[in-house]
Amino acid sequence: ESAVLLAMAFDRYVAICKPLHYTT
């Protein structure tokens, strides 16, 4: 669960900081 919460933080980082590359 701790690892998945970290992965979700990475997901939000990519979505907001690198939105154009999110899907790639």
mmCIF file of all heavy atoms, coordinates in Angstrom:
data_MODEL
# 
_entry.id   MODEL 
# 
loop_
_atom_site.group_PDB 
_atom_site.id 
_atom_site.type_symbol 
_atom_site.label_atom_id 
_atom_site.label_alt_id 
_atom_site.label_comp_id 
_atom_site.label_asym_id 
_atom_site.label_entity_id 
_atom_site.label_seq_id 
_atom_site.pdbx_PDB_ins_code 
_atom_site.Cartn_x 
_atom_site.Cartn_y 
_atom_site.Cartn_z 
_atom_site.occupancy 
_atom_site.B_iso_or_equiv 
_atom_site.pdbx_formal_charge 
_atom_site.auth_seq_id 
_atom_site.auth_comp_id 
_atom_site.auth_asym_id 
_atom_site.auth_atom_id 
_atom_site.pdbx_PDB_model_num 
ATOM 1   N N   . GLU A 1 1  ? 0.835  -1.207 0.000   1.00 0.00 ? 1  GLU A N   1 
ATOM 2   C CA  . GLU A 1 1  ? 0.000  0.000  0.000   1.00 0.00 ? 1  GLU A CA  1 
ATOM 3   C C   . GLU A 1 1  ? 0.866  1.252  0.000   1.00 0.00 ? 1  GLU A C   1 
ATOM 4   O O   . GLU A 1 1  ? 0.570  2.215  -0.710  1.00 0.00 ? 1  GLU A O   1 
ATOM 5   C CB  . GLU A 1 1  ? -0.941 0.011  1.214   1.00 0.00 ? 1  GLU A CB  1 
ATOM 6   C CG  . GLU A 1 1  ? -1.787 1.260  1.290   1.00 0.00 ? 1  GLU A CG  1 
ATOM 7   C CD  . GLU A 1 1  ? -3.169 1.018  1.868   1.00 0.00 ? 1  GLU A CD  1 
ATOM 8   O OE1 . GLU A 1 1  ? -3.531 -0.142 2.137   1.00 0.00 ? 1  GLU A OE1 1 
ATOM 9   O OE2 . GLU A 1 1  ? -3.894 2.004  2.035   1.00 0.00 ? 1  GLU A OE2 1 
ATOM 10  N N   . SER A 1 2  ? 1.928  1.238  0.772   1.00 0.00 ? 2  SER A N   1 
ATOM 11  C CA  . SER A 1 2  ? 2.843  2.371  0.787   1.00 0.00 ? 2  SER A CA  1 
ATOM 12  C C   . SER A 1 2  ? 3.445  2.603  -0.594  1.00 0.00 ? 2  SER A C   1 
ATOM 13  O O   . SER A 1 2  ? 3.559  3.741  -1.062  1.00 0.00 ? 2  SER A O   1 
ATOM 14  C CB  . SER A 1 2  ? 3.954  2.123  1.819   1.00 0.00 ? 2  SER A CB  1 
ATOM 15  O OG  . SER A 1 2  ? 4.842  3.216  1.881   1.00 0.00 ? 2  SER A OG  1 
ATOM 16  N N   . ALA A 1 3  ? 3.809  1.504  -1.271  1.00 0.00 ? 3  ALA A N   1 
ATOM 17  C CA  . ALA A 1 3  ? 4.393  1.606  -2.615  1.00 0.00 ? 3  ALA A CA  1 
ATOM 18  C C   . ALA A 1 3  ? 3.382  2.148  -3.625  1.00 0.00 ? 3  ALA A C   1 
ATOM 19  O O   . ALA A 1 3  ? 3.730  2.962  -4.494  1.00 0.00 ? 3  ALA A O   1 
ATOM 20  C CB  . ALA A 1 3  ? 4.901  0.240  -3.067  1.00 0.00 ? 3  ALA A CB  1 
ATOM 21  N N   . VAL A 1 4  ? 2.127  1.707  -3.529  1.00 0.00 ? 4  VAL A N   1 
ATOM 22  C CA  . VAL A 1 4  ? 1.097  2.182  -4.464  1.00 0.00 ? 4  VAL A CA  1 
ATOM 23  C C   . VAL A 1 4  ? 0.797  3.661  -4.231  1.00 0.00 ? 4  VAL A C   1 
ATOM 24  O O   . VAL A 1 4  ? 0.593  4.422  -5.186  1.00 0.00 ? 4  VAL A O   1 
ATOM 25  C CB  . VAL A 1 4  ? -0.186 1.327  -4.339  1.00 0.00 ? 4  VAL A CB  1 
ATOM 26  C CG1 . VAL A 1 4  ? -1.334 1.957  -5.119  1.00 0.00 ? 4  VAL A CG1 1 
ATOM 27  C CG2 . VAL A 1 4  ? 0.080  -0.082 -4.855  1.00 0.00 ? 4  VAL A CG2 1 
ATOM 28  N N   . LEU A 1 5  ? 0.792  4.107  -2.971  1.00 0.00 ? 5  LEU A N   1 
ATOM 29  C CA  . LEU A 1 5  ? 0.606  5.538  -2.692  1.00 0.00 ? 5  LEU A CA  1 
ATOM 30  C C   . LEU A 1 5  ? 1.748  6.354  -3.286  1.00 0.00 ? 5  LEU A C   1 
ATOM 31  O O   . LEU A 1 5  ? 1.535  7.461  -3.792  1.00 0.00 ? 5  LEU A O   1 
ATOM 32  C CB  . LEU A 1 5  ? 0.508  5.772  -1.184  1.00 0.00 ? 5  LEU A CB  1 
ATOM 33  C CG  . LEU A 1 5  ? -0.789 5.296  -0.521  1.00 0.00 ? 5  LEU A CG  1 
ATOM 34  C CD1 . LEU A 1 5  ? -0.680 5.401  0.997   1.00 0.00 ? 5  LEU A CD1 1 
ATOM 35  C CD2 . LEU A 1 5  ? -1.985 6.094  -1.019  1.00 0.00 ? 5  LEU A CD2 1 
ATOM 36  N N   . LEU A 1 6  ? 2.963  5.805  -3.243  1.00 0.00 ? 6  LEU A N   1 
ATOM 37  C CA  . LEU A 1 6  ? 4.098  6.476  -3.885  1.00 0.00 ? 6  LEU A CA  1 
ATOM 38  C C   . LEU A 1 6  ? 3.905  6.520  -5.399  1.00 0.00 ? 6  LEU A C   1 
ATOM 39  O O   . LEU A 1 6  ? 4.164  7.552  -6.042  1.00 0.00 ? 6  LEU A O   1 
ATOM 40  C CB  . LEU A 1 6  ? 5.398  5.741  -3.530  1.00 0.00 ? 6  LEU A CB  1 
ATOM 41  C CG  . LEU A 1 6  ? 6.670  6.213  -4.238  1.00 0.00 ? 6  LEU A CG  1 
ATOM 42  C CD1 . LEU A 1 6  ? 6.918  7.701  -3.996  1.00 0.00 ? 6  LEU A CD1 1 
ATOM 43  C CD2 . LEU A 1 6  ? 7.873  5.389  -3.779  1.00 0.00 ? 6  LEU A CD2 1 
ATOM 44  N N   . ALA A 1 7  ? 3.443  5.418  -5.984  1.00 0.00 ? 7  ALA A N   1 
ATOM 45  C CA  . ALA A 1 7  ? 3.181  5.379  -7.432  1.00 0.00 ? 7  ALA A CA  1 
ATOM 46  C C   . ALA A 1 7  ? 2.107  6.387  -7.828  1.00 0.00 ? 7  ALA A C   1 
ATOM 47  O O   . ALA A 1 7  ? 2.196  7.033  -8.878  1.00 0.00 ? 7  ALA A O   1 
ATOM 48  C CB  . ALA A 1 7  ? 2.757  3.966  -7.849  1.00 0.00 ? 7  ALA A CB  1 
ATOM 49  N N   . MET A 1 8  ? 1.102  6.561  -6.975  1.00 0.00 ? 8  MET A N   1 
ATOM 50  C CA  . MET A 1 8  ? 0.041  7.526  -7.249  1.00 0.00 ? 8  MET A CA  1 
ATOM 51  C C   . MET A 1 8  ? 0.568  8.959  -7.163  1.00 0.00 ? 8  MET A C   1 
ATOM 52  O O   . MET A 1 8  ? 0.110  9.851  -7.892  1.00 0.00 ? 8  MET A O   1 
ATOM 53  C CB  . MET A 1 8  ? -1.124 7.313  -6.282  1.00 0.00 ? 8  MET A CB  1 
ATOM 54  C CG  . MET A 1 8  ? -1.829 5.981  -6.479  1.00 0.00 ? 8  MET A CG  1 
ATOM 55  S SD  . MET A 1 8  ? -3.056 5.596  -5.203  1.00 0.00 ? 8  MET A SD  1 
ATOM 56  C CE  . MET A 1 8  ? -4.486 6.461  -5.855  1.00 0.00 ? 8  MET A CE  1 
ATOM 57  N N   . ALA A 1 9  ? 1.540  9.200  -6.286  1.00 0.00 ? 9  ALA A N   1 
ATOM 58  C CA  . ALA A 1 9  ? 2.179  10.517 -6.222  1.00 0.00 ? 9  ALA A CA  1 
ATOM 59  C C   . ALA A 1 9  ? 2.959  10.782 -7.509  1.00 0.00 ? 9  ALA A C   1 
ATOM 60  O O   . ALA A 1 9  ? 2.932  11.901 -8.052  1.00 0.00 ? 9  ALA A O   1 
ATOM 61  C CB  . ALA A 1 9  ? 3.110  10.588 -5.013  1.00 0.00 ? 9  ALA A CB  1 
ATOM 62  N N   . PHE A 1 10 ? 3.629  9.741  -8.009  1.00 0.00 ? 10 PHE A N   1 
ATOM 63  C CA  . PHE A 1 10 ? 4.348  9.867  -9.278  1.00 0.00 ? 10 PHE A CA  1 
ATOM 64  C C   . PHE A 1 10 ? 3.382  10.150 -10.427 1.00 0.00 ? 10 PHE A C   1 
ATOM 65  O O   . PHE A 1 10 ? 3.652  10.973 -11.306 1.00 0.00 ? 10 PHE A O   1 
ATOM 66  C CB  . PHE A 1 10 ? 5.139  8.591  -9.547  1.00 0.00 ? 10 PHE A CB  1 
ATOM 67  C CG  . PHE A 1 10 ? 5.839  8.562  -10.875 1.00 0.00 ? 10 PHE A CG  1 
ATOM 68  C CD1 . PHE A 1 10 ? 6.875  9.454  -11.148 1.00 0.00 ? 10 PHE A CD1 1 
ATOM 69  C CD2 . PHE A 1 10 ? 5.457  7.659  -11.869 1.00 0.00 ? 10 PHE A CD2 1 
ATOM 70  C CE1 . PHE A 1 10 ? 7.523  9.433  -12.379 1.00 0.00 ? 10 PHE A CE1 1 
ATOM 71  C CE2 . PHE A 1 10 ? 6.091  7.638  -13.094 1.00 0.00 ? 10 PHE A CE2 1 
ATOM 72  C CZ  . PHE A 1 10 ? 7.131  8.530  -13.356 1.00 0.00 ? 10 PHE A CZ  1 
ATOM 73  N N   . ASP A 1 11 ? 2.232  9.490  -10.388 1.00 0.00 ? 11 ASP A N   1 
ATOM 74  C CA  . ASP A 1 11 ? 1.185  9.721  -11.396 1.00 0.00 ? 11 ASP A CA  1 
ATOM 75  C C   . ASP A 1 11 ? 0.739  11.176 -11.399 1.00 0.00 ? 11 ASP A C   1 
ATOM 76  O O   . ASP A 1 11 ? 0.609  11.810 -12.449 1.00 0.00 ? 11 ASP A O   1 
ATOM 77  C CB  . ASP A 1 11 ? 0.003  8.803  -11.112 1.00 0.00 ? 11 ASP A CB  1 
ATOM 78  C CG  . ASP A 1 11 ? -1.238 9.184  -11.905 1.00 0.00 ? 11 ASP A CG  1 
ATOM 79  O OD1 . ASP A 1 11 ? -1.294 8.855  -13.109 1.00 0.00 ? 11 ASP A OD1 1 
ATOM 80  O OD2 . ASP A 1 11 ? -2.144 9.806  -11.324 1.00 0.00 ? 11 ASP A OD2 1 
ATOM 81  N N   . ARG A 1 12 ? 0.504  11.751 -10.202 1.00 0.00 ? 12 ARG A N   1 
ATOM 82  C CA  . ARG A 1 12 ? 0.086  13.161 -10.112 1.00 0.00 ? 12 ARG A CA  1 
ATOM 83  C C   . ARG A 1 12 ? 1.207  14.097 -10.556 1.00 0.00 ? 12 ARG A C   1 
ATOM 84  O O   . ARG A 1 12 ? 0.960  15.127 -11.174 1.00 0.00 ? 12 ARG A O   1 
ATOM 85  C CB  . ARG A 1 12 ? -0.331 13.494 -8.675  1.00 0.00 ? 12 ARG A CB  1 
ATOM 86  C CG  . ARG A 1 12 ? -1.611 12.830 -8.185  1.00 0.00 ? 12 ARG A CG  1 
ATOM 87  C CD  . ARG A 1 12 ? -2.817 13.231 -9.036  1.00 0.00 ? 12 ARG A CD  1 
ATOM 88  N NE  . ARG A 1 12 ? -2.954 12.415 -10.233 1.00 0.00 ? 12 ARG A NE  1 
ATOM 89  C CZ  . ARG A 1 12 ? -3.547 12.814 -11.342 1.00 0.00 ? 12 ARG A CZ  1 
ATOM 90  N NH1 . ARG A 1 12 ? -4.044 14.025 -11.440 1.00 0.00 ? 12 ARG A NH1 1 
ATOM 91  N NH2 . ARG A 1 12 ? -3.626 12.013 -12.393 1.00 0.00 ? 12 ARG A NH2 1 
ATOM 92  N N   . TYR A 1 13 ? 2.462  13.721 -10.261 1.00 0.00 ? 13 TYR A N   1 
ATOM 93  C CA  . TYR A 1 13 ? 3.612  14.529 -10.688 1.00 0.00 ? 13 TYR A CA  1 
ATOM 94  C C   . TYR A 1 13 ? 3.673  14.601 -12.210 1.00 0.00 ? 13 TYR A C   1 
ATOM 95  O O   . TYR A 1 13 ? 3.826  15.682 -12.793 1.00 0.00 ? 13 TYR A O   1 
ATOM 96  C CB  . TYR A 1 13 ? 4.903  13.937 -10.117 1.00 0.00 ? 13 TYR A CB  1 
ATOM 97  C CG  . TYR A 1 13 ? 6.146  14.419 -10.826 1.00 0.00 ? 13 TYR A CG  1 
ATOM 98  C CD1 . TYR A 1 13 ? 6.637  15.702 -10.601 1.00 0.00 ? 13 TYR A CD1 1 
ATOM 99  C CD2 . TYR A 1 13 ? 6.819  13.597 -11.735 1.00 0.00 ? 13 TYR A CD2 1 
ATOM 100 C CE1 . TYR A 1 13 ? 7.771  16.156 -11.270 1.00 0.00 ? 13 TYR A CE1 1 
ATOM 101 C CE2 . TYR A 1 13 ? 7.944  14.037 -12.398 1.00 0.00 ? 13 TYR A CE2 1 
ATOM 102 C CZ  . TYR A 1 13 ? 8.420  15.319 -12.165 1.00 0.00 ? 13 TYR A CZ  1 
ATOM 103 O OH  . TYR A 1 13 ? 9.538  15.765 -12.833 1.00 0.00 ? 13 TYR A OH  1 
ATOM 104 N N   . VAL A 1 14 ? 3.551  13.452 -12.867 1.00 0.00 ? 14 VAL A N   1 
ATOM 105 C CA  . VAL A 1 14 ? 3.617  13.431 -14.333 1.00 0.00 ? 14 VAL A CA  1 
ATOM 106 C C   . VAL A 1 14 ? 2.420  14.170 -14.927 1.00 0.00 ? 14 VAL A C   1 
ATOM 107 O O   . VAL A 1 14 ? 2.570  14.946 -15.883 1.00 0.00 ? 14 VAL A O   1 
ATOM 108 C CB  . VAL A 1 14 ? 3.659  11.967 -14.857 1.00 0.00 ? 14 VAL A CB  1 
ATOM 109 C CG1 . VAL A 1 14 ? 3.627  11.946 -16.383 1.00 0.00 ? 14 VAL A CG1 1 
ATOM 110 C CG2 . VAL A 1 14 ? 4.903  11.261 -14.352 1.00 0.00 ? 14 VAL A CG2 1 
ATOM 111 N N   . ALA A 1 15 ? 1.228  13.976 -14.368 1.00 0.00 ? 15 ALA A N   1 
ATOM 112 C CA  . ALA A 1 15 ? 0.014  14.610 -14.896 1.00 0.00 ? 15 ALA A CA  1 
ATOM 113 C C   . ALA A 1 15 ? 0.081  16.132 -14.830 1.00 0.00 ? 15 ALA A C   1 
ATOM 114 O O   . ALA A 1 15 ? -0.411 16.822 -15.733 1.00 0.00 ? 15 ALA A O   1 
ATOM 115 C CB  . ALA A 1 15 ? -1.212 14.110 -14.132 1.00 0.00 ? 15 ALA A CB  1 
ATOM 116 N N   . ILE A 1 16 ? 0.705  16.676 -13.785 1.00 0.00 ? 16 ILE A N   1 
ATOM 117 C CA  . ILE A 1 16 ? 0.731  18.127 -13.599 1.00 0.00 ? 16 ILE A CA  1 
ATOM 118 C C   . ILE A 1 16 ? 2.010  18.761 -14.133 1.00 0.00 ? 16 ILE A C   1 
ATOM 119 O O   . ILE A 1 16 ? 1.970  19.837 -14.744 1.00 0.00 ? 16 ILE A O   1 
ATOM 120 C CB  . ILE A 1 16 ? 0.535  18.466 -12.098 1.00 0.00 ? 16 ILE A CB  1 
ATOM 121 C CG1 . ILE A 1 16 ? -0.881 18.082 -11.678 1.00 0.00 ? 16 ILE A CG1 1 
ATOM 122 C CG2 . ILE A 1 16 ? 0.793  19.941 -11.820 1.00 0.00 ? 16 ILE A CG2 1 
ATOM 123 C CD1 . ILE A 1 16 ? -1.144 18.182 -10.193 1.00 0.00 ? 16 ILE A CD1 1 
ATOM 124 N N   . CYS A 1 17 ? 3.144  18.103 -13.932 1.00 0.00 ? 17 CYS A N   1 
ATOM 125 C CA  . CYS A 1 17 ? 4.429  18.693 -14.343 1.00 0.00 ? 17 CYS A CA  1 
ATOM 126 C C   . CYS A 1 17 ? 4.801  18.355 -15.786 1.00 0.00 ? 17 CYS A C   1 
ATOM 127 O O   . CYS A 1 17 ? 5.529  19.110 -16.429 1.00 0.00 ? 17 CYS A O   1 
ATOM 128 C CB  . CYS A 1 17 ? 5.542  18.229 -13.404 1.00 0.00 ? 17 CYS A CB  1 
ATOM 129 S SG  . CYS A 1 17 ? 5.280  18.715 -11.693 1.00 0.00 ? 17 CYS A SG  1 
ATOM 130 N N   . LYS A 1 18 ? 4.330  17.228 -16.303 1.00 0.00 ? 18 LYS A N   1 
ATOM 131 C CA  . LYS A 1 18 ? 4.640  16.827 -17.679 1.00 0.00 ? 18 LYS A CA  1 
ATOM 132 C C   . LYS A 1 18 ? 3.366  16.344 -18.384 1.00 0.00 ? 18 LYS A C   1 
ATOM 133 O O   . LYS A 1 18 ? 3.292  15.203 -18.852 1.00 0.00 ? 18 LYS A O   1 
ATOM 134 C CB  . LYS A 1 18 ? 5.699  15.725 -17.684 1.00 0.00 ? 18 LYS A CB  1 
ATOM 135 C CG  . LYS A 1 18 ? 7.017  16.117 -17.017 1.00 0.00 ? 18 LYS A CG  1 
ATOM 136 C CD  . LYS A 1 18 ? 8.010  14.969 -17.035 1.00 0.00 ? 18 LYS A CD  1 
ATOM 137 C CE  . LYS A 1 18 ? 9.285  15.331 -16.292 1.00 0.00 ? 18 LYS A CE  1 
ATOM 138 N NZ  . LYS A 1 18 ? 10.043 16.403 -16.934 1.00 0.00 ? 18 LYS A NZ  1 
ATOM 139 N N   . PRO A 1 19 ? 2.351  17.202 -18.466 1.00 0.00 ? 19 PRO A N   1 
ATOM 140 C CA  . PRO A 1 19 ? 1.047  16.754 -18.997 1.00 0.00 ? 19 PRO A CA  1 
ATOM 141 C C   . PRO A 1 19 ? 1.090  16.275 -20.444 1.00 0.00 ? 19 PRO A C   1 
ATOM 142 O O   . PRO A 1 19 ? 0.339  15.374 -20.817 1.00 0.00 ? 19 PRO A O   1 
ATOM 143 C CB  . PRO A 1 19 ? 0.169  18.004 -18.853 1.00 0.00 ? 19 PRO A CB  1 
ATOM 144 C CG  . PRO A 1 19 ? 1.128  19.154 -18.772 1.00 0.00 ? 19 PRO A CG  1 
ATOM 145 C CD  . PRO A 1 19 ? 2.337  18.629 -18.089 1.00 0.00 ? 19 PRO A CD  1 
ATOM 146 N N   . LEU A 1 20 ? 1.965  16.855 -21.254 1.00 0.00 ? 20 LEU A N   1 
ATOM 147 C CA  . LEU A 1 20 ? 2.037  16.474 -22.670 1.00 0.00 ? 20 LEU A CA  1 
ATOM 148 C C   . LEU A 1 20 ? 2.633  15.083 -22.858 1.00 0.00 ? 20 LEU A C   1 
ATOM 149 O O   . LEU A 1 20 ? 2.440  14.460 -23.909 1.00 0.00 ? 20 LEU A O   1 
ATOM 150 C CB  . LEU A 1 20 ? 2.846  17.508 -23.457 1.00 0.00 ? 20 LEU A CB  1 
ATOM 151 C CG  . LEU A 1 20 ? 2.274  18.941 -23.466 1.00 0.00 ? 20 LEU A CG  1 
ATOM 152 C CD1 . LEU A 1 20 ? 3.198  19.879 -24.245 1.00 0.00 ? 20 LEU A CD1 1 
ATOM 153 C CD2 . LEU A 1 20 ? 0.876  18.953 -24.076 1.00 0.00 ? 20 LEU A CD2 1 
ATOM 154 N N   . HIS A 1 21 ? 3.378  14.612 -21.852 1.00 0.00 ? 21 HIS A N   1 
ATOM 155 C CA  . HIS A 1 21 ? 4.027  13.300 -21.961 1.00 0.00 ? 21 HIS A CA  1 
ATOM 156 C C   . HIS A 1 21 ? 3.363  12.255 -21.070 1.00 0.00 ? 21 HIS A C   1 
ATOM 157 O O   . HIS A 1 21 ? 3.902  11.165 -20.894 1.00 0.00 ? 21 HIS A O   1 
ATOM 158 C CB  . HIS A 1 21 ? 5.513  13.429 -21.579 1.00 0.00 ? 21 HIS A CB  1 
ATOM 159 C CG  . HIS A 1 21 ? 6.262  14.431 -22.394 1.00 0.00 ? 21 HIS A CG  1 
ATOM 160 N ND1 . HIS A 1 21 ? 6.619  14.212 -23.705 1.00 0.00 ? 21 HIS A ND1 1 
ATOM 161 C CD2 . HIS A 1 21 ? 6.703  15.682 -22.088 1.00 0.00 ? 21 HIS A CD2 1 
ATOM 162 C CE1 . HIS A 1 21 ? 7.264  15.263 -24.173 1.00 0.00 ? 21 HIS A CE1 1 
ATOM 163 N NE2 . HIS A 1 21 ? 7.318  16.181 -23.215 1.00 0.00 ? 21 HIS A NE2 1 
ATOM 164 N N   . TYR A 1 22 ? 2.197  12.602 -20.517 1.00 0.00 ? 22 TYR A N   1 
ATOM 165 C CA  . TYR A 1 22 ? 1.537  11.729 -19.536 1.00 0.00 ? 22 TYR A CA  1 
ATOM 166 C C   . TYR A 1 22 ? 1.294  10.319 -20.085 1.00 0.00 ? 22 TYR A C   1 
ATOM 167 O O   . TYR A 1 22 ? 1.675  9.323  -19.475 1.00 0.00 ? 22 TYR A O   1 
ATOM 168 C CB  . TYR A 1 22 ? 0.213  12.370 -19.098 1.00 0.00 ? 22 TYR A CB  1 
ATOM 169 C CG  . TYR A 1 22 ? -0.531 11.596 -18.038 1.00 0.00 ? 22 TYR A CG  1 
ATOM 170 C CD1 . TYR A 1 22 ? -0.048 11.531 -16.726 1.00 0.00 ? 22 TYR A CD1 1 
ATOM 171 C CD2 . TYR A 1 22 ? -1.721 10.938 -18.337 1.00 0.00 ? 22 TYR A CD2 1 
ATOM 172 C CE1 . TYR A 1 22 ? -0.739 10.832 -15.746 1.00 0.00 ? 22 TYR A CE1 1 
ATOM 173 C CE2 . TYR A 1 22 ? -2.425 10.246 -17.349 1.00 0.00 ? 22 TYR A CE2 1 
ATOM 174 C CZ  . TYR A 1 22 ? -1.923 10.185 -16.061 1.00 0.00 ? 22 TYR A CZ  1 
ATOM 175 O OH  . TYR A 1 22 ? -2.612 9.490  -15.097 1.00 0.00 ? 22 TYR A OH  1 
ATOM 176 N N   . THR A 1 23 ? 0.679  10.245 -21.261 1.00 0.00 ? 23 THR A N   1 
ATOM 177 C CA  . THR A 1 23 ? 0.322  8.931  -21.821 1.00 0.00 ? 23 THR A CA  1 
ATOM 178 C C   . THR A 1 23 ? 1.538  8.162  -22.334 1.00 0.00 ? 23 THR A C   1 
ATOM 179 O O   . THR A 1 23 ? 1.514  6.933  -22.371 1.00 0.00 ? 23 THR A O   1 
ATOM 180 C CB  . THR A 1 23 ? -0.697 9.088  -22.967 1.00 0.00 ? 23 THR A CB  1 
ATOM 181 O OG1 . THR A 1 23 ? -0.184 10.009 -23.932 1.00 0.00 ? 23 THR A OG1 1 
ATOM 182 C CG2 . THR A 1 23 ? -2.022 9.609  -22.441 1.00 0.00 ? 23 THR A CG2 1 
ATOM 183 N N   . THR A 1 24 ? 2.570  8.881  -22.731 1.00 0.00 ? 24 THR A N   1 
ATOM 184 C CA  . THR A 1 24 ? 3.772  8.191  -23.227 1.00 0.00 ? 24 THR A CA  1 
ATOM 185 C C   . THR A 1 24 ? 4.669  7.705  -22.085 1.00 0.00 ? 24 THR A C   1 
ATOM 186 O O   . THR A 1 24 ? 5.403  6.730  -22.246 1.00 0.00 ? 24 THR A O   1 
ATOM 187 C CB  . THR A 1 24 ? 4.588  9.116  -24.151 1.00 0.00 ? 24 THR A CB  1 
ATOM 188 O OG1 . THR A 1 24 ? 4.904  10.330 -23.452 1.00 0.00 ? 24 THR A OG1 1 
ATOM 189 C CG2 . THR A 1 24 ? 3.805  9.446  -25.407 1.00 0.00 ? 24 THR A CG2 1 
# 
